[in-house]
PDB file of N, CA and C in Angstrom:
ATOM      1  N   MET A   1      -7.547  -0.426   7.859  1.00  0.00           N
ATOM      2  CA  MET A   1      -8.349  -0.638   6.659  1.00  0.00           C
ATOM      3  C   MET A   1      -9.770  -0.807   7.137  1.00  0.00           C
ATOM      4  N   TYR A   2     -10.647  -0.039   6.493  1.00  0.00           N
ATOM      5  CA  TYR A   2     -12.058  -0.183   6.809  1.00  0.00           C
ATOM      6  C   TYR A   2     -12.711  -0.983   5.708  1.00  0.00           C
ATOM      7  N   GLN A   3     -13.696  -1.714   6.061  1.00  0.00           N
ATOM      8  CA  GLN A   3     -14.344  -2.625   5.175  1.00  0.00           C
ATOM      9  C   GLN A   3     -15.848  -2.462   5.214  1.00  0.00           C
ATOM     10  N   TYR A   4     -16.591  -2.330   4.178  1.00  0.00           N
ATOM     11  CA  TYR A   4     -18.014  -2.146   4.073  1.00  0.00           C
ATOM     12  C   TYR A   4     -18.527  -3.336   3.184  1.00  0.00           C
ATOM     13  N   LYS A   5     -19.467  -4.078   3.731  1.00  0.00           N
ATOM     14  CA  LYS A   5     -20.262  -5.124   2.959  1.00  0.00           C
ATOM     15  C   LYS A   5     -21.655  -4.722   2.946  1.00  0.00           C
ATOM     16  N   SER A   6     -22.222  -4.677   1.760  1.00  0.00           N
ATOM     17  CA  SER A   6     -23.636  -4.499   1.730  1.00  0.00           C
ATOM     18  C   SER A   6     -24.383  -5.828   1.767  1.00  0.00           C
ATOM     19  N   SER A   7     -25.582  -5.763   2.284  1.00  0.00           N
ATOM     20  CA  SER A   7     -26.432  -6.982   2.278  1.00  0.00           C
ATOM     21  C   SER A   7     -27.156  -7.085   0.935  1.00  0.00           C
ATOM     22  N   THR A   8     -27.584  -8.245   0.628  1.00  0.00           N
ATOM     23  CA  THR A   8     -28.189  -8.496  -0.682  1.00  0.00           C
ATOM     24  C   THR A   8     -29.566  -7.623  -0.791  1.00  0.00           C
ATOM     25  N   THR A   9     -30.211  -7.465   0.306  1.00  0.00           N
ATOM     26  CA  THR A   9     -31.496  -6.703   0.263  1.00  0.00           C
ATOM     27  C   THR A   9     -31.178  -5.187  -0.085  1.00  0.00           C
ATOM     28  N   ASP A  10     -30.058  -4.659   0.480  1.00  0.00           N
ATOM     29  CA  ASP A  10     -29.705  -3.261   0.271  1.00  0.00           C
ATOM     30  C   ASP A  10     -29.404  -3.045  -1.212  1.00  0.00           C
ATOM     31  N   CYS A  11     -28.750  -3.965  -1.806  1.00  0.00           N
ATOM     32  CA  CYS A  11     -28.427  -3.790  -3.209  1.00  0.00           C
ATOM     33  C   CYS A  11     -29.555  -4.027  -4.151  1.00  0.00           C
ATOM     34  N   LYS A  12     -30.478  -4.882  -3.713  1.00  0.00           N
ATOM     35  CA  LYS A  12     -31.651  -5.246  -4.544  1.00  0.00           C
ATOM     36  C   LYS A  12     -32.532  -4.054  -4.715  1.00  0.00           C
ATOM     37  N   ASN A  13     -32.694  -3.227  -3.635  1.00  0.00           N
ATOM     38  CA  ASN A  13     -33.489  -2.053  -3.639  1.00  0.00           C
ATOM     39  C   ASN A  13     -32.835  -0.770  -3.988  1.00  0.00           C
ATOM     40  N   CYS A  14     -31.576  -0.788  -4.229  1.00  0.00           N
ATOM     41  CA  CYS A  14     -30.770   0.474  -4.517  1.00  0.00           C
ATOM     42  C   CYS A  14     -31.080   0.975  -5.929  1.00  0.00           C
ATOM     43  N   PRO A  15     -31.315   2.317  -6.055  1.00  0.00           N
ATOM     44  CA  PRO A  15     -31.703   2.962  -7.391  1.00  0.00           C
ATOM     45  C   PRO A  15     -30.385   2.999  -8.292  1.00  0.00           C
ATOM     46  N   VAL A  16     -29.219   2.935  -7.747  1.00  0.00           N
ATOM     47  CA  VAL A  16     -27.980   3.011  -8.626  1.00  0.00           C
ATOM     48  C   VAL A  16     -27.327   1.723  -8.712  1.00  0.00           C
ATOM     49  N   ARG A  17     -28.088   0.622  -8.518  1.00  0.00           N
ATOM     50  CA  ARG A  17     -27.441  -0.660  -8.476  1.00  0.00           C
ATOM     51  C   ARG A  17     -26.752  -0.968  -9.870  1.00  0.00           C
ATOM     52  N   ASP A  18     -27.395  -0.646 -10.973  1.00  0.00           N
ATOM     53  CA  ASP A  18     -26.746  -0.902 -12.221  1.00  0.00           C
ATOM     54  C   ASP A  18     -25.410  -0.286 -12.449  1.00  0.00           C
ATOM     55  N   LYS A  19     -25.189   0.927 -11.882  1.00  0.00           N
ATOM     56  CA  LYS A  19     -23.910   1.577 -11.938  1.00  0.00           C
ATOM     57  C   LYS A  19     -22.849   0.980 -11.049  1.00  0.00           C
ATOM     58  N   CYS A  20     -23.256   0.327  -9.965  1.00  0.00           N
ATOM     59  CA  CYS A  20     -22.379  -0.179  -8.982  1.00  0.00           C
ATOM     60  C   CYS A  20     -21.991  -1.649  -9.135  1.00  0.00           C
ATOM     61  N   LEU A  21     -23.011  -2.411  -9.519  1.00  0.00           N
ATOM     62  CA  LEU A  21     -22.781  -3.857  -9.615  1.00  0.00           C
ATOM     63  C   LEU A  21     -23.038  -4.394 -10.994  1.00  0.00           C
ATOM     64  N   SER A  22     -22.362  -5.551 -11.275  1.00  0.00           N
ATOM     65  CA  SER A  22     -22.637  -6.210 -12.512  1.00  0.00           C
ATOM     66  C   SER A  22     -23.994  -7.000 -12.363  1.00  0.00           C
ATOM     67  N   LYS A  23     -24.473  -7.556 -13.487  1.00  0.00           N
ATOM     68  CA  LYS A  23     -25.741  -8.314 -13.491  1.00  0.00           C
ATOM     69  C   LYS A  23     -25.762  -9.511 -12.514  1.00  0.00           C
ATOM     70  N   LYS A  24     -24.577 -10.223 -12.419  1.00  0.00           N
ATOM     71  CA  LYS A  24     -24.500 -11.380 -11.594  1.00  0.00           C
ATOM     72  C   LYS A  24     -24.144 -11.117 -10.129  1.00  0.00           C
ATOM     73  N   SER A  25     -23.676  -9.983  -9.827  1.00  0.00           N
ATOM     74  CA  SER A  25     -23.263  -9.618  -8.446  1.00  0.00           C
ATOM     75  C   SER A  25     -24.577  -9.458  -7.598  1.00  0.00           C
ATOM     76  N   THR A  26     -24.439  -9.873  -6.364  1.00  0.00           N
ATOM     77  CA  THR A  26     -25.590  -9.654  -5.377  1.00  0.00           C
ATOM     78  C   THR A  26     -25.300  -8.631  -4.311  1.00  0.00           C
ATOM     79  N   ARG A  27     -24.038  -8.446  -4.055  1.00  0.00           N
ATOM     80  CA  ARG A  27     -23.675  -7.520  -2.986  1.00  0.00           C
ATOM     81  C   ARG A  27     -22.320  -6.876  -3.323  1.00  0.00           C
ATOM     82  N   ARG A  28     -22.013  -5.748  -2.600  1.00  0.00           N
ATOM     83  CA  ARG A  28     -20.780  -4.976  -2.867  1.00  0.00           C
ATOM     84  C   ARG A  28     -19.913  -4.981  -1.632  1.00  0.00           C
ATOM     85  N   GLU A  29     -18.557  -5.137  -1.814  1.00  0.00           N
ATOM     86  CA  GLU A  29     -17.620  -4.992  -0.757  1.00  0.00           C
ATOM     87  C   GLU A  29     -16.676  -3.797  -1.071  1.00  0.00           C
ATOM     88  N   LEU A  30     -16.542  -2.911  -0.153  1.00  0.00           N
ATOM     89  CA  LEU A  30     -15.670  -1.746  -0.367  1.00  0.00           C
ATOM     90  C   LEU A  30     -14.594  -1.692   0.709  1.00  0.00           C
ATOM     91  N   TYR A  31     -13.387  -1.447   0.321  1.00  0.00           N
ATOM     92  CA  TYR A  31     -12.261  -1.340   1.299  1.00  0.00           C
ATOM     93  C   TYR A  31     -11.755   0.100   1.198  1.00  0.00           C
ATOM     94  N   ARG A  32     -11.404   0.600   2.294  1.00  0.00           N
ATOM     95  CA  ARG A  32     -10.849   2.054   2.308  1.00  0.00           C
ATOM     96  C   ARG A  32      -9.814   2.083   3.469  1.00  0.00           C
ATOM     97  N   TRP A  33      -8.652   2.554   3.066  1.00  0.00           N
ATOM     98  CA  TRP A  33      -7.569   2.809   4.091  1.00  0.00           C
ATOM     99  C   TRP A  33      -7.973   3.891   5.011  1.00  0.00           C
ATOM    100  N   GLU A  34      -7.671   3.827   6.294  1.00  0.00           N
ATOM    101  CA  GLU A  34      -8.066   4.743   7.285  1.00  0.00           C
ATOM    102  C   GLU A  34      -7.588   6.140   7.016  1.00  0.00           C
ATOM    103  N   HIS A  35      -6.432   6.277   6.329  1.00  0.00           N
ATOM    104  CA  HIS A  35      -5.872   7.587   5.982  1.00  0.00           C
ATOM    105  C   HIS A  35      -5.980   7.934   4.482  1.00  0.00           C
ATOM    106  N   GLU A  36      -6.982   7.379   3.863  1.00  0.00           N
ATOM    107  CA  GLU A  36      -7.129   7.597   2.415  1.00  0.00           C
ATOM    108  C   GLU A  36      -7.457   9.005   1.999  1.00  0.00           C
ATOM    109  N   GLU A  37      -8.106   9.787   2.962  1.00  0.00           N
ATOM    110  CA  GLU A  37      -8.421  11.186   2.705  1.00  0.00           C
ATOM    111  C   GLU A  37      -7.130  11.978   2.394  1.00  0.00           C
ATOM    112  N   VAL A  38      -6.051  11.577   3.027  1.00  0.00           N
ATOM    113  CA  VAL A  38      -4.736  12.257   2.742  1.00  0.00           C
ATOM    114  C   VAL A  38      -4.327  12.069   1.304  1.00  0.00           C
ATOM    115  N   LEU A  39      -4.430  10.786   0.819  1.00  0.00           N
ATOM    116  CA  LEU A  39      -4.162  10.574  -0.612  1.00  0.00           C
ATOM    117  C   LEU A  39      -5.076  11.343  -1.550  1.00  0.00           C
ATOM    118  N   VAL A  40      -6.281  11.427  -1.196  1.00  0.00           N
ATOM    119  CA  VAL A  40      -7.361  12.163  -2.010  1.00  0.00           C
ATOM    120  C   VAL A  40      -6.979  13.628  -2.016  1.00  0.00           C
ATOM    121  N   ARG A  41      -6.641  14.204  -0.896  1.00  0.00           N
ATOM    122  CA  ARG A  41      -6.224  15.638  -0.797  1.00  0.00           C
ATOM    123  C   ARG A  41      -4.993  15.866  -1.714  1.00  0.00           C
ATOM    124  N   ASN A  42      -4.011  14.963  -1.600  1.00  0.00           N
ATOM    125  CA  ASN A  42      -2.787  15.051  -2.294  1.00  0.00           C
ATOM    126  C   ASN A  42      -3.072  15.037  -3.834  1.00  0.00           C
ATOM    127  N   GLN A  43      -3.838  14.089  -4.286  1.00  0.00           N
ATOM    128  CA  GLN A  43      -4.237  13.990  -5.721  1.00  0.00           C
ATOM    129  C   GLN A  43      -4.923  15.223  -6.195  1.00  0.00           C
ATOM    130  N   GLN A  44      -5.808  15.800  -5.369  1.00  0.00           N
ATOM    131  CA  GLN A  44      -6.537  17.043  -5.720  1.00  0.00           C
ATOM    132  C   GLN A  44      -5.534  18.224  -5.858  1.00  0.00           C
ATOM    133  N   ARG A  45      -4.537  18.285  -4.944  1.00  0.00           N
ATOM    134  CA  ARG A  45      -3.580  19.337  -5.040  1.00  0.00           C
ATOM    135  C   ARG A  45      -2.724  19.246  -6.309  1.00  0.00           C
ATOM    136  N   LEU A  46      -2.303  17.966  -6.700  1.00  0.00           N
ATOM    137  CA  LEU A  46      -1.581  17.793  -7.864  1.00  0.00           C
ATOM    138  C   LEU A  46      -2.449  18.145  -9.118  1.00  0.00           C
ATOM    139  N   LYS A  47      -3.690  17.824  -9.006  1.00  0.00           N
ATOM    140  CA  LYS A  47      -4.590  18.140 -10.199  1.00  0.00           C
ATOM    141  C   LYS A  47      -4.714  19.636 -10.265  1.00  0.00           C
ATOM    142  N   ASP A  48      -4.813  20.357  -9.179  1.00  0.00           N
ATOM    143  CA  ASP A  48      -4.895  21.831  -9.194  1.00  0.00           C
ATOM    144  C   ASP A  48      -3.706  22.541  -9.658  1.00  0.00           C
ATOM    145  N   ASN A  49      -2.549  21.964  -9.417  1.00  0.00           N
ATOM    146  CA  ASN A  49      -1.291  22.590  -9.771  1.00  0.00           C
ATOM    147  C   ASN A  49      -0.324  21.585 -10.343  1.00  0.00           C
ATOM    148  N   PRO A  50      -0.446  21.229 -11.628  1.00  0.00           N
ATOM    149  CA  PRO A  50       0.351  20.164 -12.243  1.00  0.00           C
ATOM    150  C   PRO A  50       1.861  20.415 -12.326  1.00  0.00           C
ATOM    151  N   THR A  51       2.288  21.672 -12.214  1.00  0.00           N
ATOM    152  CA  THR A  51       3.723  21.971 -12.382  1.00  0.00           C
ATOM    153  C   THR A  51       4.486  21.608 -11.085  1.00  0.00           C
ATOM    154  N   VAL A  52       3.862  21.344  -9.998  1.00  0.00           N
ATOM    155  CA  VAL A  52       4.474  21.013  -8.725  1.00  0.00           C
ATOM    156  C   VAL A  52       5.410  19.815  -8.864  1.00  0.00           C
ATOM    157  N   MET A  53       5.002  18.744  -9.497  1.00  0.00           N
ATOM    158  CA  MET A  53       5.723  17.528  -9.610  1.00  0.00           C
ATOM    159  C   MET A  53       6.985  17.784 -10.548  1.00  0.00           C
ATOM    160  N   LYS A  54       6.865  18.628 -11.532  1.00  0.00           N
ATOM    161  CA  LYS A  54       8.101  18.928 -12.358  1.00  0.00           C
ATOM    162  C   LYS A  54       9.096  19.645 -11.513  1.00  0.00           C
ATOM    163  N   LYS A  55       8.628  20.657 -10.715  1.00  0.00           N
ATOM    164  CA  LYS A  55       9.532  21.398  -9.877  1.00  0.00           C
ATOM    165  C   LYS A  55      10.158  20.418  -8.816  1.00  0.00           C
ATOM    166  N   ARG A  56       9.383  19.575  -8.176  1.00  0.00           N
ATOM    167  CA  ARG A  56       9.896  18.592  -7.279  1.00  0.00           C
ATOM    168  C   ARG A  56      10.964  17.748  -7.943  1.00  0.00           C
ATOM    169  N   GLY A  57      10.676  17.213  -9.158  1.00  0.00           N
ATOM    170  CA  GLY A  57      11.542  16.402  -9.911  1.00  0.00           C
ATOM    171  C   GLY A  57      12.901  17.074 -10.098  1.00  0.00           C
ATOM    172  N   SER A  58      12.891  18.396 -10.408  1.00  0.00           N
ATOM    173  CA  SER A  58      14.119  19.101 -10.709  1.00  0.00           C
ATOM    174  C   SER A  58      14.834  19.464  -9.403  1.00  0.00           C
ATOM    175  N   MET A  59      14.220  19.629  -8.274  1.00  0.00           N
ATOM    176  CA  MET A  59      14.894  20.067  -7.135  1.00  0.00           C
ATOM    177  C   MET A  59      15.184  18.941  -6.110  1.00  0.00           C
ATOM    178  N   VAL A  60      14.385  17.945  -5.958  1.00  0.00           N
ATOM    179  CA  VAL A  60      14.456  16.976  -4.886  1.00  0.00           C
ATOM    180  C   VAL A  60      14.903  15.599  -5.379  1.00  0.00           C
ATOM    181  N   GLU A  61      14.458  15.163  -6.469  1.00  0.00           N
ATOM    182  CA  GLU A  61      14.751  13.787  -6.930  1.00  0.00           C
ATOM    183  C   GLU A  61      16.225  13.547  -7.209  1.00  0.00           C
ATOM    184  N   HIS A  62      16.933  14.547  -7.747  1.00  0.00           N
ATOM    185  CA  HIS A  62      18.369  14.254  -7.985  1.00  0.00           C
ATOM    186  C   HIS A  62      19.168  14.048  -6.779  1.00  0.00           C
ATOM    187  N   PRO A  63      19.069  14.925  -5.844  1.00  0.00           N
ATOM    188  CA  PRO A  63      19.837  14.671  -4.483  1.00  0.00           C
ATOM    189  C   PRO A  63      19.421  13.348  -3.906  1.00  0.00           C
ATOM    190  N   PHE A  64      18.098  13.120  -3.891  1.00  0.00           N
ATOM    191  CA  PHE A  64      17.601  11.857  -3.216  1.00  0.00           C
ATOM    192  C   PHE A  64      18.216  10.592  -3.951  1.00  0.00           C
ATOM    193  N   GLY A  65      18.176  10.690  -5.299  1.00  0.00           N
ATOM    194  CA  GLY A  65      18.781   9.578  -6.067  1.00  0.00           C
ATOM    195  C   GLY A  65      20.271   9.431  -5.800  1.00  0.00           C
ATOM    196  N   THR A  66      20.980  10.552  -5.665  1.00  0.00           N
ATOM    197  CA  THR A  66      22.411  10.563  -5.458  1.00  0.00           C
ATOM    198  C   THR A  66      22.681   9.915  -4.067  1.00  0.00           C
ATOM    199  N   ILE A  67      21.950  10.341  -3.098  1.00  0.00           N
ATOM    200  CA  ILE A  67      22.133   9.787  -1.720  1.00  0.00           C
ATOM    201  C   ILE A  67      21.914   8.246  -1.750  1.00  0.00           C
ATOM    202  N   LYS A  68      20.853   7.857  -2.403  1.00  0.00           N
ATOM    203  CA  LYS A  68      20.574   6.406  -2.452  1.00  0.00           C
ATOM    204  C   LYS A  68      21.654   5.668  -3.135  1.00  0.00           C
ATOM    205  N   CYS A  69      22.190   6.223  -4.202  1.00  0.00           N
ATOM    206  CA  CYS A  69      23.131   5.527  -5.034  1.00  0.00           C
ATOM    207  C   CYS A  69      24.477   5.463  -4.258  1.00  0.00           C
ATOM    208  N   ARG A  70      24.904   6.541  -3.634  1.00  0.00           N
ATOM    209  CA  ARG A  70      26.148   6.536  -2.832  1.00  0.00           C
ATOM    210  C   ARG A  70      26.105   5.477  -1.689  1.00  0.00           C
ATOM    211  N   ALA A  71      24.884   5.476  -1.096  1.00  0.00           N
ATOM    212  CA  ALA A  71      24.816   4.545   0.136  1.00  0.00           C
ATOM    213  C   ALA A  71      24.502   3.097  -0.304  1.00  0.00           C
ATOM    214  N   GLY A  72      24.264   2.929  -1.640  1.00  0.00           N
ATOM    215  CA  GLY A  72      23.812   1.563  -2.003  1.00  0.00           C
ATOM    216  C   GLY A  72      22.480   1.306  -1.344  1.00  0.00           C
ATOM    217  N   MET A  73      21.652   2.303  -1.264  1.00  0.00           N
ATOM    218  CA  MET A  73      20.526   2.178  -0.374  1.00  0.00           C
ATOM    219  C   MET A  73      19.393   1.427  -0.993  1.00  0.00           C
ATOM    220  N   HIS A  74      19.309   0.201  -0.715  1.00  0.00           N
ATOM    221  CA  HIS A  74      18.118  -0.582  -1.118  1.00  0.00           C
ATOM    222  C   HIS A  74      17.344  -0.877   0.030  1.00  0.00           C
ATOM    223  N   HIS A  75      17.894  -0.738   1.211  1.00  0.00           N
ATOM    224  CA  HIS A  75      17.107  -0.876   2.506  1.00  0.00           C
ATOM    225  C   HIS A  75      17.960  -0.174   3.583  1.00  0.00           C
ATOM    226  N   PHE A  76      17.252   0.008   4.706  1.00  0.00           N
ATOM    227  CA  PHE A  76      17.950   0.605   5.857  1.00  0.00           C
ATOM    228  C   PHE A  76      18.650  -0.475   6.649  1.00  0.00           C
ATOM    229  N   LEU A  77      19.728  -0.194   7.284  1.00  0.00           N
ATOM    230  CA  LEU A  77      20.425  -1.101   8.109  1.00  0.00           C
ATOM    231  C   LEU A  77      19.786  -1.261   9.522  1.00  0.00           C
ATOM    232  N   MET A  78      19.173  -0.159   9.928  1.00  0.00           N
ATOM    233  CA  MET A  78      18.580  -0.126  11.293  1.00  0.00           C
ATOM    234  C   MET A  78      17.163  -0.579  11.209  1.00  0.00           C
ATOM    235  N   ARG A  79      16.584  -0.865  12.362  1.00  0.00           N
ATOM    236  CA  ARG A  79      15.204  -1.304  12.481  1.00  0.00           C
ATOM    237  C   ARG A  79      14.437  -0.248  13.321  1.00  0.00           C
ATOM    238  N   GLY A  80      13.183  -0.004  12.921  1.00  0.00           N
ATOM    239  CA  GLY A  80      12.357   1.026  13.678  1.00  0.00           C
ATOM    240  C   GLY A  80      12.446   2.358  12.984  1.00  0.00           C
ATOM    241  N   LEU A  81      11.351   3.038  12.988  1.00  0.00           N
ATOM    242  CA  LEU A  81      11.242   4.359  12.355  1.00  0.00           C
ATOM    243  C   LEU A  81      12.267   5.389  12.864  1.00  0.00           C
ATOM    244  N   GLU A  82      12.365   5.465  14.181  1.00  0.00           N
ATOM    245  CA  GLU A  82      13.279   6.444  14.821  1.00  0.00           C
ATOM    246  C   GLU A  82      14.712   6.141  14.309  1.00  0.00           C
ATOM    247  N   ARG A  83      15.172   4.956  14.344  1.00  0.00           N
ATOM    248  CA  ARG A  83      16.561   4.649  13.966  1.00  0.00           C
ATOM    249  C   ARG A  83      16.787   4.868  12.476  1.00  0.00           C
ATOM    250  N   CYS A  84      15.756   4.466  11.644  1.00  0.00           N
ATOM    251  CA  CYS A  84      15.793   4.738  10.177  1.00  0.00           C
ATOM    252  C   CYS A  84      15.865   6.208   9.872  1.00  0.00           C
ATOM    253  N   GLN A  85      15.183   7.032  10.592  1.00  0.00           N
ATOM    254  CA  GLN A  85      15.223   8.485  10.408  1.00  0.00           C
ATOM    255  C   GLN A  85      16.575   8.987  10.808  1.00  0.00           C
ATOM    256  N   GLY A  86      17.156   8.449  11.814  1.00  0.00           N
ATOM    257  CA  GLY A  86      18.597   8.869  12.239  1.00  0.00           C
ATOM    258  C   GLY A  86      19.514   8.392  11.116  1.00  0.00           C
ATOM    259  N   GLU A  87      19.422   7.255  10.630  1.00  0.00           N
ATOM    260  CA  GLU A  87      20.280   6.701   9.556  1.00  0.00           C
ATOM    261  C   GLU A  87      20.249   7.591   8.359  1.00  0.00           C
ATOM    262  N   PHE A  88      18.950   7.946   7.948  1.00  0.00           N
ATOM    263  CA  PHE A  88      18.813   8.746   6.739  1.00  0.00           C
ATOM    264  C   PHE A  88      19.318  10.194   6.955  1.00  0.00           C
ATOM    265  N   SER A  89      19.116  10.720   8.215  1.00  0.00           N
ATOM    266  CA  SER A  89      19.543  12.058   8.517  1.00  0.00           C
ATOM    267  C   SER A  89      21.117  12.087   8.434  1.00  0.00           C
ATOM    268  N   LEU A  90      21.826  11.047   8.781  1.00  0.00           N
ATOM    269  CA  LEU A  90      23.290  11.000   8.624  1.00  0.00           C
ATOM    270  C   LEU A  90      23.607  11.041   7.160  1.00  0.00           C
ATOM    271  N   MET A  91      22.935  10.310   6.327  1.00  0.00           N
ATOM    272  CA  MET A  91      23.204  10.323   4.952  1.00  0.00           C
ATOM    273  C   MET A  91      22.953  11.668   4.294  1.00  0.00           C
ATOM    274  N   VAL A  92      21.869  12.351   4.644  1.00  0.00           N
ATOM    275  CA  VAL A  92      21.605  13.637   4.197  1.00  0.00           C
ATOM    276  C   VAL A  92      22.677  14.651   4.622  1.00  0.00           C
ATOM    277  N   MET A  93      23.061  14.564   5.861  1.00  0.00           N
ATOM    278  CA  MET A  93      24.145  15.477   6.400  1.00  0.00           C
ATOM    279  C   MET A  93      25.410  15.294   5.593  1.00  0.00           C
ATOM    280  N   SER A  94      25.783  14.052   5.355  1.00  0.00           N
ATOM    281  CA  SER A  94      27.067  13.783   4.657  1.00  0.00           C
ATOM    282  C   SER A  94      26.944  14.307   3.200  1.00  0.00           C
ATOM    283  N   TYR A  95      25.723  14.175   2.621  1.00  0.00           N
ATOM    284  CA  TYR A  95      25.554  14.692   1.207  1.00  0.00           C
ATOM    285  C   TYR A  95      25.696  16.238   1.238  1.00  0.00           C
ATOM    286  N   ASN A  96      25.020  16.935   2.200  1.00  0.00           N
ATOM    287  CA  ASN A  96      25.119  18.376   2.261  1.00  0.00           C
ATOM    288  C   ASN A  96      26.504  18.824   2.617  1.00  0.00           C
ATOM    289  N   PHE A  97      27.216  18.035   3.435  1.00  0.00           N
ATOM    290  CA  PHE A  97      28.665  18.424   3.761  1.00  0.00           C
ATOM    291  C   PHE A  97      29.507  18.361   2.488  1.00  0.00           C
ATOM    292  N   THR A  98      29.307  17.291   1.676  1.00  0.00           N
ATOM    293  CA  THR A  98      30.056  17.132   0.419  1.00  0.00           C
ATOM    294  C   THR A  98      29.690  18.247  -0.539  1.00  0.00           C
ATOM    295  N   ARG A  99      28.444  18.673  -0.592  1.00  0.00           N
ATOM    296  CA  ARG A  99      28.062  19.782  -1.428  1.00  0.00           C
ATOM    297  C   ARG A  99      28.774  21.104  -0.975  1.00  0.00           C
ATOM    298  N   VAL A 100      28.822  21.346   0.325  1.00  0.00           N
ATOM    299  CA  VAL A 100      29.524  22.495   0.805  1.00  0.00           C
ATOM    300  C   VAL A 100      31.003  22.459   0.403  1.00  0.00           C
ATOM    301  N   LEU A 101      31.604  21.366   0.589  1.00  0.00           N
ATOM    302  CA  LEU A 101      33.059  21.249   0.197  1.00  0.00           C
ATOM    303  C   LEU A 101      33.228  21.452  -1.317  1.00  0.00           C
ATOM    304  N   ASN A 102      32.365  20.941  -2.106  1.00  0.00           N
ATOM    305  CA  ASN A 102      32.444  21.232  -3.509  1.00  0.00           C
ATOM    306  C   ASN A 102      32.203  22.665  -3.943  1.00  0.00           C
ATOM    307  N   ILE A 103      31.389  23.334  -3.121  1.00  0.00           N
ATOM    308  CA  ILE A 103      31.025  24.760  -3.482  1.00  0.00           C
ATOM    309  C   ILE A 103      32.124  25.690  -2.957  1.00  0.00           C
ATOM    310  N   ILE A 104      32.533  25.567  -1.726  1.00  0.00           N
ATOM    311  CA  ILE A 104      33.539  26.563  -1.192  1.00  0.00           C
ATOM    312  C   ILE A 104      35.003  26.063  -1.353  1.00  0.00           C
ATOM    313  N   GLY A 105      35.221  24.752  -1.556  1.00  0.00           N
ATOM    314  CA  GLY A 105      36.517  24.196  -1.703  1.00  0.00           C
ATOM    315  C   GLY A 105      37.081  23.730  -0.343  1.00  0.00           C
ATOM    316  N   ILE A 106      38.007  22.835  -0.415  1.00  0.00           N
ATOM    317  CA  ILE A 106      38.578  22.224   0.795  1.00  0.00           C
ATOM    318  C   ILE A 106      39.487  23.224   1.450  1.00  0.00           C
ATOM    319  N   ALA A 107      40.239  23.974   0.673  1.00  0.00           N
ATOM    320  CA  ALA A 107      41.189  24.984   1.218  1.00  0.00           C
ATOM    321  C   ALA A 107      40.403  26.083   2.021  1.00  0.00           C
ATOM    322  N   ALA A 108      39.304  26.522   1.546  1.00  0.00           N
ATOM    323  CA  ALA A 108      38.501  27.523   2.288  1.00  0.00           C
ATOM    324  C   ALA A 108      37.938  26.909   3.498  1.00  0.00           C
ATOM    325  N   PHE A 109      37.557  25.592   3.428  1.00  0.00           N
ATOM    326  CA  PHE A 109      36.961  24.917   4.690  1.00  0.00           C
ATOM    327  C   PHE A 109      38.054  24.762   5.728  1.00  0.00           C
ATOM    328  N   ILE A 110      39.250  24.432   5.354  1.00  0.00           N
ATOM    329  CA  ILE A 110      40.375  24.246   6.249  1.00  0.00           C
ATOM    330  C   ILE A 110      40.660  25.579   6.907  1.00  0.00           C
ATOM    331  N   LYS A 111      40.718  26.631   6.136  1.00  0.00           N
ATOM    332  CA  LYS A 111      41.003  28.059   6.587  1.00  0.00           C
ATOM    333  C   LYS A 111      39.958  28.413   7.614  1.00  0.00           C
ATOM    334  N   HIS A 112      38.660  28.136   7.333  1.00  0.00           N
ATOM    335  CA  HIS A 112      37.561  28.425   8.311  1.00  0.00           C
ATOM    336  C   HIS A 112      37.772  27.674   9.583  1.00  0.00           C
ATOM    337  N   CYS A 113      38.179  26.450   9.527  1.00  0.00           N
ATOM    338  CA  CYS A 113      38.370  25.598  10.795  1.00  0.00           C
ATOM    339  C   CYS A 113      39.490  26.126  11.616  1.00  0.00           C
ATOM    340  N   ILE A 114      40.571  26.610  11.030  1.00  0.00           N
ATOM    341  CA  ILE A 114      41.657  27.171  11.631  1.00  0.00           C
ATOM    342  C   ILE A 114      41.287  28.537  12.380  1.00  0.00           C
ATOM    343  N   LYS A 115      40.468  29.343  11.660  1.00  0.00           N
ATOM    344  CA  LYS A 115      39.948  30.592  12.283  1.00  0.00           C
ATOM    345  C   LYS A 115      39.133  30.258  13.510  1.00  0.00           C
ATOM    346  N   ARG A 116      38.295  29.310  13.462  1.00  0.00           N
ATOM    347  CA  ARG A 116      37.396  28.949  14.534  1.00  0.00           C
ATOM    348  C   ARG A 116      38.202  28.448  15.749  1.00  0.00           C
ATOM    349  N   GLU A 117      39.183  27.681  15.387  1.00  0.00           N
ATOM    350  CA  GLU A 117      40.075  27.022  16.433  1.00  0.00           C
ATOM    351  C   GLU A 117      40.760  28.199  17.272  1.00  0.00           C
ATOM    352  N   GLN A 118      41.146  29.294  16.526  1.00  0.00           N
ATOM    353  CA  GLN A 118      41.890  30.385  17.166  1.00  0.00           C
ATOM    354  C   GLN A 118      40.895  31.101  18.145  1.00  0.00           C
ATOM    355  N   TYR A 119      39.619  31.100  17.866  1.00  0.00           N
ATOM    356  CA  TYR A 119      38.687  31.908  18.713  1.00  0.00           C
ATOM    357  C   TYR A 119      38.205  31.108  19.931  1.00  0.00           C
ATOM    358  N   ALA A 120      38.388  29.775  19.832  1.00  0.00           N
ATOM    359  CA  ALA A 120      37.847  28.962  20.913  1.00  0.00           C
ATOM    360  C   ALA A 120      38.709  28.928  22.165  1.00  0.00           C
TER     361      ALA A 120
END
């Protein structure tokens, strides 16, 4: 987090003081996150293409919500980014495997496993 504090003399001589400070204020403090430009770029992309969020909502949010609900996911069980990524990857893999079983059916999956076993 970056912090900027103006001195009283800077604000006193500033030509845009009335737009920046109230009558009683003598100085200004600004805080900016070090990666805030990422947020600004993202907001600009969303502003330029407003349909992206609707598309994301229809494609991504449902599976993500389903994964969270199935896992009772209010928090990760592991600690650390690498372990949490591993934990979430396992949840996504199990979700995708369930989707495959629902699409092709269990019988077709078993038949495929038997064929693979014969070639091994």
